[in-house]
Amino acid sequence: MSPAFYSKFDRHSNGEGLKGNATHYCPGCGHGLVHKFLAEAIAELGIEDDTVLVSPVGCSVFAYYYIDVGNTQAAHGRAAAVAIGHKLANPNATVIAYQGDGDLASIGLAETIAAAQLGTPITIIFINNAIYGMTGGQMAPTTLMGQPTSTSPDGRKQINGQPIKMAEQIALLDGAVYVERVALFSPAERNRAKKAIKKAIQLQKEGRGYTFVEVLAECPTHLKMDSAESEKWVKENMVPVFPLGAKKDSAPDTWWKIEQPVFDGNKFVEIVGGTTDKTERHCKGFPGHLHPSDVALKLAGSGGDGAQTAAILIATAGINEGFDGTHIPAYGPESRGGTSYADVHIAKDEVLNPASPTPHILIAYNAPSLTKFGPTVAKGGFVIFDSSVAGEIAPPAEGVRVIGVPFAEIAADLGKMVVKNIVSLGALAAATDIFPRETFLAAVKQALKDKSKLIPLNEQAFDRGFKAAKECMKAKGY
């Protein structure tokens, strides 16, 4: 075996003998041959330690069990995008995305075209067997006219459109420098396939640009043929539709020069803003009374209510105290007068899921937000809402405390409507005791470092919200 293969394939639960070196592919499948050519090319170029293989969702989903290089598993269709990420993060790596026709030419078509036009020096190995092999033999973008599949039992018809010719499409794009289609049905064609794969990787290694090799491969299982019959079928039926040969071979001298990324924290702060100064901590510990390890919040309102800013301030406050904090904004058409929202997590150690589908705390700035997200609050949680614009609601779940504070009225009384989100933070502190006052105000001061004249007003807004929430809770017996 090529030294670029693992000496033993652990997919078979440490199987011994033949099982320790057997792939999961069906007899006669083209993937095995292409894996062999790919591994040999990597070994011959001496790049085993510098290569990242991006595996897709599809028949070759287990490629990382076989080829002994860096491996990444990409979501269905997203291999090209993941490959670009690897290349930009480590320009010296050789990055290869290995994809099937359903993966590359269907769900991943946008990523495929965008990557080829961008021209980042990555290599795409595209396996075209004219079928969705792994999921049951459905019609693929490359299925031939008249070819029966599980979803087109009478054959592909005109209403389904013509099979897409990916190599020709990629060759039209300026970013691609080498595009070739090869096959596997004879020794001569296999030799051409091996040479094309090696050439594509070599051109990338030399920094020439984006390279693409399409391989016409046999799928005896879904063709319901033996190996010899399926090879003949590919030659007689696929080649006339997908002609073999180089579609583009215009690799220039080395021209792609990707700057090595900088992973210096000080440089990051310089570019995006922020500070490396240590912040004073005021918490005695993690707010475990809300959750032992991870507090989920959701802030929702109309565009302009300040929900996103308040969410950032909460996450910043948590980070300042040494916890992990995340903020995921959700913008969209709803932000124009309807409900937009932000999910926030404060975790003792690490946020494992930044989404908040069942938050412990909801801060609602308008009635639609209260109606939409109130029922999602977890048992024993808190609903804090703007009673200026939304009416009282019954507790949506057992033990949920509902605290109405007139955010907008208080902000209007202070003369600045924009501080109603700071009023809500005061109410949050009073109702939940998630952080001390000083923690929140430290985050506010960081945000207003260039507008220090506004700090006293924001402090007043916070304190008014805190007081109003305490009064509400006292009246309700909380």
Protein backbone atom coordinates (compact mmCIF):
# COMPACT_ATOMS: atom_id res chain seq x y z
CA MET A 1 0.00 0.00 0.00
CA SER A 2 1.00 3.62 -0.46
CA PRO A 3 2.67 5.12 2.62
CA ALA A 4 -0.09 7.75 2.51
CA PHE A 5 -2.57 5.06 3.56
CA TYR A 6 -2.90 4.04 7.18
CA SER A 7 -1.25 0.67 7.76
CA LYS A 8 -4.51 -0.48 9.31
CA PHE A 9 -8.07 0.78 8.78
CA ASP A 10 -9.66 1.13 12.21
CA ARG A 11 -13.16 1.50 10.74
CA HIS A 12 -13.61 -2.26 11.20
CA SER A 13 -13.32 -2.02 14.99
CA ASN A 14 -9.70 -3.09 14.95
CA GLY A 15 -10.43 -5.89 12.50
CA GLU A 16 -7.55 -8.20 11.73
CA GLY A 17 -6.28 -9.54 8.42
CA LEU A 18 -8.19 -8.45 5.33
CA LYS A 19 -10.73 -6.55 7.42
CA GLY A 20 -7.94 -4.38 8.74
CA ASN A 21 -7.16 -3.22 5.20
CA ALA A 22 -10.58 -3.36 3.54
CA THR A 23 -12.58 -0.26 2.69
CA HIS A 24 -16.35 0.00 2.99
CA TYR A 25 -16.85 0.44 -0.77
CA CYS A 26 -18.90 -1.99 -2.84
CA PRO A 27 -17.00 -4.36 -5.20
CA GLY A 28 -16.16 -2.53 -8.42
CA CYS A 29 -16.75 0.94 -6.98
CA GLY A 30 -14.52 3.63 -8.47
CA HIS A 31 -13.79 5.30 -5.14
CA GLY A 32 -11.24 2.67 -4.15
CA LEU A 33 -9.13 3.29 -7.26
CA VAL A 34 -9.28 7.05 -6.86
CA HIS A 35 -8.24 6.73 -3.21
CA LYS A 36 -5.27 4.68 -4.40
CA PHE A 37 -4.25 7.27 -7.00
CA LEU A 38 -4.71 10.09 -4.52
CA ALA A 39 -2.63 8.39 -1.82
CA GLU A 40 0.11 7.55 -4.33
CA ALA A 41 0.25 11.14 -5.59
CA ILE A 42 0.51 12.48 -2.05
CA ALA A 43 3.32 10.03 -1.25
CA GLU A 44 5.22 10.67 -4.49
CA LEU A 45 5.07 14.44 -3.88
CA GLY A 46 6.24 13.93 -0.31
CA ILE A 47 3.44 15.99 1.19
CA GLU A 48 1.86 13.53 3.64
CA ASP A 49 2.57 15.83 6.59
CA ASP A 50 1.39 18.97 4.78
CA THR A 51 -1.90 17.74 3.31
CA VAL A 52 -5.45 18.29 4.54
CA LEU A 53 -8.17 16.11 2.98
CA VAL A 54 -11.71 17.43 3.25
CA SER A 55 -14.16 14.52 3.17
CA PRO A 56 -17.79 15.00 2.15
CA VAL A 57 -21.11 13.51 3.06
CA GLY A 58 -21.58 10.69 0.61
CA CYS A 59 -20.11 7.29 -0.23
CA SER A 60 -16.61 8.55 0.58
CA VAL A 61 -17.66 9.84 4.00
CA PHE A 62 -15.14 7.47 5.66
CA ALA A 63 -12.11 8.62 3.62
CA TYR A 64 -10.48 9.82 6.84
CA TYR A 65 -10.19 6.19 7.97
CA TYR A 66 -7.97 5.37 5.00
CA ILE A 67 -5.70 8.23 3.93
CA ASP A 68 -3.05 9.18 6.49
CA VAL A 69 -3.08 12.96 6.22
CA GLY A 70 -4.82 15.76 8.05
CA ASN A 71 -8.57 15.17 7.72
CA THR A 72 -11.63 17.35 8.07
CA GLN A 73 -15.26 16.30 7.67
CA ALA A 74 -17.41 18.89 5.91
CA ALA A 75 -21.16 19.32 5.97
CA HIS A 76 -22.98 18.16 2.84
CA GLY A 77 -21.87 20.27 -0.12
CA ARG A 78 -19.60 22.55 1.88
CA ALA A 79 -16.24 20.88 1.24
CA ALA A 80 -14.96 23.66 -1.04
CA ALA A 81 -15.77 26.34 1.52
CA VAL A 82 -14.07 24.33 4.28
CA ALA A 83 -11.07 23.77 2.01
CA ILE A 84 -10.70 27.50 1.42
CA GLY A 85 -10.78 28.06 5.17
CA HIS A 86 -7.96 25.56 5.66
CA LYS A 87 -5.88 27.11 2.87
CA LEU A 88 -6.24 30.65 4.14
CA ALA A 89 -5.50 29.60 7.71
CA ASN A 90 -2.43 27.63 6.62
CA PRO A 91 -1.23 28.74 3.16
CA ASN A 92 1.60 26.19 3.16
CA ALA A 93 -0.81 23.26 3.39
CA THR A 94 -1.93 21.25 0.38
CA VAL A 95 -5.71 21.14 0.65
CA ILE A 96 -7.81 18.61 -1.26
CA ALA A 97 -11.61 18.44 -1.28
CA TYR A 98 -12.93 15.02 -2.29
CA GLN A 99 -16.60 15.14 -3.37
CA GLY A 100 -19.30 13.18 -5.15
CA ASP A 101 -21.82 14.41 -7.71
CA GLY A 102 -24.72 14.89 -5.30
CA ASP A 103 -22.45 16.66 -2.83
CA LEU A 104 -20.60 18.92 -5.29
CA ALA A 105 -23.06 19.48 -8.12
CA SER A 106 -26.33 19.68 -6.17
CA ILE A 107 -26.39 20.99 -2.61
CA GLY A 108 -22.83 22.29 -2.95
CA LEU A 109 -23.15 23.89 -6.38
CA ALA A 110 -22.98 27.48 -5.09
CA GLU A 111 -19.87 26.76 -3.01
CA THR A 112 -18.30 24.91 -5.93
CA ILE A 113 -18.78 27.75 -8.40
CA ALA A 114 -17.75 30.43 -5.91
CA ALA A 115 -14.57 28.57 -4.95
CA ALA A 116 -13.58 28.02 -8.58
CA GLN A 117 -14.12 31.66 -9.49
CA LEU A 118 -12.21 32.81 -6.41
CA GLY A 119 -9.26 30.75 -7.59
CA THR A 120 -7.76 29.97 -4.19
CA PRO A 121 -5.15 27.23 -4.79
CA ILE A 122 -7.03 24.16 -3.62
CA THR A 123 -7.63 20.88 -5.45
CA ILE A 124 -11.05 19.35 -6.03
CA ILE A 125 -11.40 15.65 -6.81
CA PHE A 126 -14.92 15.17 -8.17
CA ILE A 127 -16.35 11.65 -8.43
CA ASN A 128 -19.09 11.48 -11.04
CA ASN A 129 -20.93 8.13 -11.00
CA ALA A 130 -24.23 9.61 -12.24
CA ILE A 131 -26.16 8.64 -9.11
CA TYR A 132 -26.69 9.37 -5.42
CA GLY A 133 -24.82 6.28 -4.28
CA MET A 134 -24.97 6.38 -0.50
CA THR A 135 -28.59 7.40 0.07
CA GLY A 136 -30.43 4.95 -2.15
CA GLY A 137 -29.72 5.57 -5.82
CA GLN A 138 -31.71 8.75 -6.39
CA MET A 139 -31.35 10.88 -9.50
CA ALA A 140 -28.27 13.10 -9.30
CA PRO A 141 -27.42 16.30 -11.21
CA THR A 142 -25.21 14.12 -13.43
CA THR A 143 -27.72 11.30 -14.06
CA LEU A 144 -28.00 10.63 -17.80
CA MET A 145 -31.11 11.24 -19.87
CA GLY A 146 -33.27 8.11 -19.74
CA GLN A 147 -31.25 6.59 -16.89
CA PRO A 148 -33.55 4.92 -14.33
CA THR A 149 -33.01 5.78 -10.67
CA SER A 150 -35.01 5.24 -7.50
CA THR A 151 -36.59 8.68 -7.94
CA SER A 152 -36.90 8.47 -11.72
CA PRO A 153 -37.85 4.81 -12.34
CA ASP A 154 -38.86 5.61 -15.93
CA GLY A 155 -35.58 7.38 -16.58
CA ARG A 156 -34.49 11.00 -16.45
CA LYS A 157 -36.81 13.09 -18.62
CA GLN A 158 -36.65 16.54 -20.16
CA ILE A 159 -38.68 17.99 -17.29
CA ASN A 160 -35.75 17.06 -15.02
CA GLY A 161 -33.31 19.03 -17.13
CA GLN A 162 -30.11 17.88 -18.78
CA PRO A 163 -27.22 16.38 -16.76
CA ILE A 164 -24.83 19.06 -15.64
CA LYS A 165 -21.31 19.01 -17.09
CA MET A 166 -19.24 20.25 -14.18
CA ALA A 167 -15.79 20.15 -15.77
CA GLU A 168 -16.97 22.35 -18.65
CA GLN A 169 -18.68 24.75 -16.23
CA ILE A 170 -15.59 25.06 -14.04
CA ALA A 171 -13.33 25.55 -17.06
CA LEU A 172 -15.29 28.67 -18.02
CA LEU A 173 -14.40 30.38 -14.76
CA ASP A 174 -11.36 32.63 -14.62
CA GLY A 175 -10.19 31.35 -11.23
CA ALA A 176 -9.62 27.75 -12.38
CA VAL A 177 -6.23 27.03 -13.95
CA TYR A 178 -6.42 23.28 -14.59
CA VAL A 179 -9.57 21.24 -15.26
CA GLU A 180 -9.59 17.70 -16.60
CA ARG A 181 -12.07 14.84 -16.88
CA VAL A 182 -10.78 11.30 -16.64
CA ALA A 183 -12.22 7.79 -16.30
CA LEU A 184 -11.39 4.39 -14.80
CA PHE A 185 -12.75 1.82 -17.27
CA SER A 186 -9.41 0.70 -18.77
CA PRO A 187 -5.74 0.55 -17.79
CA ALA A 188 -4.93 3.46 -20.11
CA GLU A 189 -7.68 5.62 -18.62
CA ARG A 190 -6.57 4.72 -15.11
CA ASN A 191 -3.05 5.88 -15.91
CA ARG A 192 -4.44 9.17 -17.22
CA ALA A 193 -6.54 9.55 -14.06
CA LYS A 194 -3.54 9.01 -11.82
CA LYS A 195 -1.46 11.55 -13.78
CA ALA A 196 -4.27 14.13 -13.71
CA ILE A 197 -4.73 13.81 -9.95
CA LYS A 198 -1.00 14.17 -9.34
CA LYS A 199 -0.75 17.13 -11.72
CA ALA A 200 -3.66 18.92 -10.04
CA ILE A 201 -2.03 18.55 -6.64
CA GLN A 202 1.40 19.54 -7.99
CA LEU A 203 0.01 22.75 -9.48
CA GLN A 204 -1.57 23.63 -6.16
CA LYS A 205 1.66 22.87 -4.34
CA GLU A 206 3.44 25.28 -6.67
CA GLY A 207 0.88 28.01 -5.93
CA ARG A 208 -0.50 28.10 -9.47
CA GLY A 209 -4.18 28.26 -8.54
CA TYR A 210 -7.42 26.26 -8.31
CA THR A 211 -7.40 22.77 -9.89
CA PHE A 212 -10.29 20.40 -10.61
CA VAL A 213 -10.30 16.76 -11.68
CA GLU A 214 -13.59 15.05 -12.56
CA VAL A 215 -13.49 11.26 -12.49
CA LEU A 216 -16.12 9.16 -14.27
CA ALA A 217 -16.52 6.28 -11.83
CA GLU A 218 -18.48 3.04 -11.80
CA CYS A 219 -21.31 2.30 -9.36
CA PRO A 220 -22.10 -1.40 -9.99
CA THR A 221 -24.56 -1.54 -7.07
CA HIS A 222 -27.04 0.98 -8.46
CA LEU A 223 -26.39 0.05 -12.08
CA LYS A 224 -27.18 -3.54 -11.05
CA MET A 225 -24.21 -4.78 -13.06
CA ASP A 226 -20.94 -6.56 -12.34
CA SER A 227 -17.64 -4.69 -12.54
CA ALA A 228 -16.92 -5.45 -16.19
CA GLU A 229 -20.45 -4.51 -17.27
CA SER A 230 -20.37 -1.25 -15.31
CA GLU A 231 -17.02 -0.28 -16.85
CA LYS A 232 -18.50 -0.89 -20.30
CA TRP A 233 -21.58 1.17 -19.35
CA VAL A 234 -19.44 4.13 -18.32
CA LYS A 235 -17.46 3.97 -21.56
CA GLU A 236 -20.46 3.61 -23.85
CA ASN A 237 -22.98 5.82 -22.03
CA MET A 238 -21.19 8.39 -19.87
CA VAL A 239 -18.25 9.32 -22.10
CA PRO A 240 -20.44 10.55 -24.99
CA VAL A 241 -22.19 12.90 -22.55
CA PHE A 242 -19.11 13.74 -20.49
CA PRO A 243 -16.18 13.79 -22.96
CA LEU A 244 -12.79 12.99 -21.48
CA GLY A 245 -9.73 15.19 -21.60
CA ALA A 246 -8.36 18.49 -20.34
CA LYS A 247 -10.93 21.26 -20.43
CA LYS A 248 -8.49 23.91 -19.28
CA ASP A 249 -4.74 23.85 -18.76
CA SER A 250 -3.53 27.40 -18.38
CA ALA A 251 -1.66 27.34 -15.10
CA PRO A 252 0.42 30.52 -14.89
CA ASP A 253 3.66 30.98 -13.06
CA THR A 254 3.22 31.11 -9.31
CA TRP A 255 0.93 34.05 -8.62
CA TRP A 256 -1.17 33.14 -5.61
CA LYS A 257 0.64 34.52 -2.58
CA ILE A 258 -1.50 34.11 0.52
CA GLU A 259 -0.19 36.03 3.49
CA GLN A 260 0.41 33.91 6.55
CA PRO A 261 -2.37 34.67 9.07
CA VAL A 262 -1.41 36.50 12.23
CA PHE A 263 -2.56 34.88 15.45
CA ASP A 264 -1.31 37.66 17.71
CA GLY A 265 -3.99 38.71 20.18
CA ASN A 266 -2.68 42.29 20.30
CA LYS A 267 -2.99 42.58 16.51
CA PHE A 268 -6.55 41.27 16.70
CA VAL A 269 -7.43 43.92 19.28
CA GLU A 270 -5.82 46.59 17.10
CA ILE A 271 -7.97 45.62 14.12
CA VAL A 272 -11.35 44.90 15.70
CA GLY A 273 -11.14 47.05 18.79
CA GLY A 274 -11.32 46.10 22.45
CA THR A 275 -8.69 45.98 25.13
CA THR A 276 -6.09 43.66 26.57
CA ASP A 277 -6.26 45.42 29.93
CA LYS A 278 -7.35 43.24 32.81
CA THR A 279 -10.76 44.13 34.14
CA GLU A 280 -11.65 44.22 37.79
CA ARG A 281 -13.84 41.31 38.83
CA HIS A 282 -16.83 41.77 41.10
CA CYS A 283 -18.55 38.35 41.10
CA LYS A 284 -17.96 36.05 44.03
CA GLY A 285 -18.57 33.13 41.71
CA PHE A 286 -20.58 31.81 38.79
CA PRO A 287 -24.35 32.53 39.03
CA GLY A 288 -25.09 28.89 39.73
CA HIS A 289 -28.48 29.70 41.24
CA LEU A 290 -29.68 30.22 37.65
CA HIS A 291 -27.97 27.14 36.24
CA PRO A 292 -25.03 25.10 37.51
CA SER A 293 -22.82 25.70 34.48
CA ASP A 294 -24.48 27.57 31.61
CA VAL A 295 -27.06 30.36 31.76
CA ALA A 296 -29.07 30.91 28.57
CA LEU A 297 -30.71 34.26 27.79
CA LYS A 298 -32.80 35.56 24.94
CA LEU A 299 -33.32 39.27 24.24
CA ALA A 300 -35.96 40.18 21.69
CA GLY A 301 -37.60 43.30 20.35
CA SER A 302 -38.05 45.54 17.34
CA GLY A 303 -35.18 47.02 15.35
CA GLY A 304 -33.85 49.96 17.33
CA ASP A 305 -34.89 48.62 20.75
CA GLY A 306 -31.27 47.92 21.60
CA ALA A 307 -31.65 44.18 22.19
CA GLN A 308 -28.45 43.39 20.30
CA THR A 309 -26.43 45.99 22.20
CA ALA A 310 -27.78 44.77 25.53
CA ALA A 311 -26.90 41.21 24.52
CA ILE A 312 -23.32 42.20 23.73
CA LEU A 313 -23.04 43.98 27.07
CA ILE A 314 -24.24 40.88 28.95
CA ALA A 315 -21.75 38.65 27.11
CA THR A 316 -18.97 41.18 27.73
CA ALA A 317 -19.85 41.35 31.41
CA GLY A 318 -19.59 37.57 31.67
CA ILE A 319 -16.24 37.48 29.89
CA ASN A 320 -14.90 40.26 32.11
CA GLU A 321 -15.71 38.08 35.10
CA GLY A 322 -13.69 35.20 33.68
CA PHE A 323 -16.60 33.16 32.32
CA ASP A 324 -17.23 32.15 28.72
CA GLY A 325 -19.77 34.30 26.93
CA THR A 326 -21.40 34.15 23.50
CA HIS A 327 -23.79 36.41 21.61
CA ILE A 328 -25.61 35.21 18.50
CA PRO A 329 -27.66 37.93 16.76
CA ALA A 330 -30.64 37.09 14.56
CA TYR A 331 -31.35 39.76 11.99
CA GLY A 332 -33.77 39.45 9.12
CA PRO A 333 -36.93 40.91 7.66
CA GLU A 334 -38.52 40.74 11.12
CA SER A 335 -36.10 43.39 12.40
CA ARG A 336 -38.14 45.98 10.48
CA GLY A 337 -40.97 46.43 12.90
CA GLY A 338 -41.41 42.83 14.00
CA THR A 339 -39.34 40.62 16.26
CA SER A 340 -35.58 40.26 16.03
CA TYR A 341 -33.61 38.61 18.77
CA ALA A 342 -30.25 37.71 20.26
CA ASP A 343 -29.20 34.54 22.06
CA VAL A 344 -26.69 34.89 24.88
CA HIS A 345 -24.92 32.27 26.97
CA ILE A 346 -22.79 32.73 30.06
CA ALA A 347 -20.94 29.51 30.94
CA LYS A 348 -18.77 28.61 33.88
CA ASP A 349 -16.23 26.90 31.64
CA GLU A 350 -17.27 26.75 27.98
CA VAL A 351 -20.40 27.46 25.97
CA LEU A 352 -21.14 24.26 24.07
CA ASN A 353 -24.21 25.51 22.19
CA PRO A 354 -24.68 29.26 21.66
CA ALA A 355 -28.38 28.97 20.76
CA SER A 356 -31.05 29.63 23.41
CA PRO A 357 -34.23 27.80 22.30
CA THR A 358 -35.35 27.41 25.94
CA PRO A 359 -33.76 30.33 27.76
CA HIS A 360 -33.55 30.67 31.52
CA ILE A 361 -34.11 34.42 31.07
CA LEU A 362 -36.13 36.32 28.48
CA ILE A 363 -35.93 40.09 28.09
CA ALA A 364 -38.75 41.25 25.79
CA TYR A 365 -38.87 44.81 24.47
CA ASN A 366 -42.22 44.58 22.70
CA ALA A 367 -45.47 42.62 22.79
CA PRO A 368 -44.76 40.36 19.77
CA SER A 369 -41.49 39.25 21.38
CA LEU A 370 -43.25 38.51 24.65
CA THR A 371 -45.91 36.47 22.84
CA LYS A 372 -43.43 34.60 20.66
CA PHE A 373 -40.73 33.73 23.17
CA GLY A 374 -42.53 33.80 26.52
CA PRO A 375 -43.71 30.19 26.19
CA THR A 376 -40.16 29.00 25.53
CA VAL A 377 -38.74 30.06 28.90
CA ALA A 378 -37.55 27.15 31.02
CA LYS A 379 -39.21 26.17 34.30
CA GLY A 380 -38.05 28.35 37.14
CA GLY A 381 -36.86 31.02 34.73
CA PHE A 382 -37.51 34.74 34.37
CA VAL A 383 -39.48 36.87 31.94
CA ILE A 384 -38.54 40.55 32.08
CA PHE A 385 -40.56 42.73 29.73
CA ASP A 386 -41.27 46.35 28.86
CA SER A 387 -44.60 47.06 30.54
CA SER A 388 -44.76 50.38 28.66
CA VAL A 389 -45.71 48.53 25.48
CA ALA A 390 -46.81 45.03 26.54
CA GLY A 391 -49.50 43.87 28.91
CA GLU A 392 -49.12 41.48 31.82
CA ILE A 393 -48.96 37.76 31.03
CA ALA A 394 -49.46 34.66 33.13
CA PRO A 395 -46.32 32.67 33.96
CA PRO A 396 -45.68 30.55 30.84
CA ALA A 397 -44.20 27.63 32.81
CA GLU A 398 -43.99 26.35 36.35
CA GLY A 399 -42.08 28.68 38.64
CA VAL A 400 -41.39 31.34 36.00
CA ARG A 401 -41.24 34.84 37.45
CA VAL A 402 -42.77 37.55 35.27
CA ILE A 403 -41.44 41.04 35.95
CA GLY A 404 -42.82 44.03 34.08
CA VAL A 405 -40.66 47.17 34.03
CA PRO A 406 -41.53 50.27 31.93
CA PHE A 407 -38.25 50.43 30.02
CA ALA A 408 -39.49 52.99 27.50
CA GLU A 409 -41.23 55.22 30.06
CA ILE A 410 -38.15 55.37 32.25
CA ALA A 411 -35.92 56.12 29.25
CA ALA A 412 -38.29 58.87 28.07
CA ASP A 413 -38.30 60.37 31.57
CA LEU A 414 -34.49 60.47 31.44
CA GLY A 415 -34.68 62.24 28.09
CA LYS A 416 -32.99 59.56 25.96
CA MET A 417 -35.01 56.67 24.53
CA VAL A 418 -31.82 54.91 23.49
CA VAL A 419 -31.07 53.98 27.12
CA LYS A 420 -34.12 51.77 27.53
CA ASN A 421 -31.91 48.73 26.95
CA ILE A 422 -29.72 49.87 29.88
CA VAL A 423 -32.90 50.12 31.94
CA SER A 424 -33.53 46.49 31.03
CA LEU A 425 -30.05 45.52 32.25
CA GLY A 426 -30.79 47.11 35.59
CA ALA A 427 -34.01 45.12 35.75
CA LEU A 428 -32.08 41.95 34.81
CA ALA A 429 -29.61 42.51 37.64
CA ALA A 430 -32.40 43.11 40.17
CA ALA A 431 -34.58 40.18 39.12
CA THR A 432 -31.93 37.49 38.63
CA ASP A 433 -28.81 38.57 40.49
CA ILE A 434 -26.83 37.26 37.53
CA PHE A 435 -24.03 39.83 38.04
CA PRO A 436 -23.40 42.69 40.47
CA ARG A 437 -24.14 46.28 39.44
CA GLU A 438 -20.42 46.99 39.10
CA THR A 439 -20.01 44.18 36.56
CA PHE A 440 -22.66 45.58 34.25
CA LEU A 441 -21.45 49.16 34.57
CA ALA A 442 -17.88 48.12 33.81
CA ALA A 443 -19.10 46.66 30.50
CA VAL A 444 -21.11 49.83 29.80
CA LYS A 445 -18.06 52.01 30.47
CA GLN A 446 -16.00 49.89 28.09
CA ALA A 447 -18.61 50.40 25.39
CA LEU A 448 -18.72 54.14 26.04
CA LYS A 449 -14.98 54.71 26.36
CA ASP A 450 -15.14 57.30 23.55
CA LYS A 451 -18.40 58.84 24.83
CA SER A 452 -17.66 59.25 28.52
CA LYS A 453 -20.19 62.08 28.88
CA LEU A 454 -22.97 59.52 28.46
CA ILE A 455 -21.83 57.30 31.33
CA PRO A 456 -23.74 59.15 34.11
CA LEU A 457 -26.99 58.93 32.11
CA ASN A 458 -26.49 55.19 31.58
CA GLU A 459 -25.80 54.70 35.28
CA GLN A 460 -29.07 56.47 36.08
CA ALA A 461 -30.93 54.29 33.55
CA PHE A 462 -29.48 51.14 35.09
CA ASP A 463 -30.38 52.18 38.63
CA ARG A 464 -33.93 53.17 37.62
CA GLY A 465 -34.45 49.78 35.98
CA PHE A 466 -33.03 48.01 39.03
CA LYS A 467 -35.35 49.91 41.40
CA ALA A 468 -38.45 49.37 39.22
CA ALA A 469 -37.81 45.63 39.01
CA LYS A 470 -37.41 45.36 42.78
CA GLU A 471 -40.72 47.20 43.28
CA CYS A 472 -42.47 44.88 40.82
CA MET A 473 -41.09 41.80 42.52
CA LYS A 474 -42.10 43.05 45.95
CA ALA A 475 -45.64 43.72 44.72
CA LYS A 476 -45.85 40.18 43.31
CA GLY A 477 -44.36 38.57 46.37
CA TYR A 478 -41.25 37.25 44.60
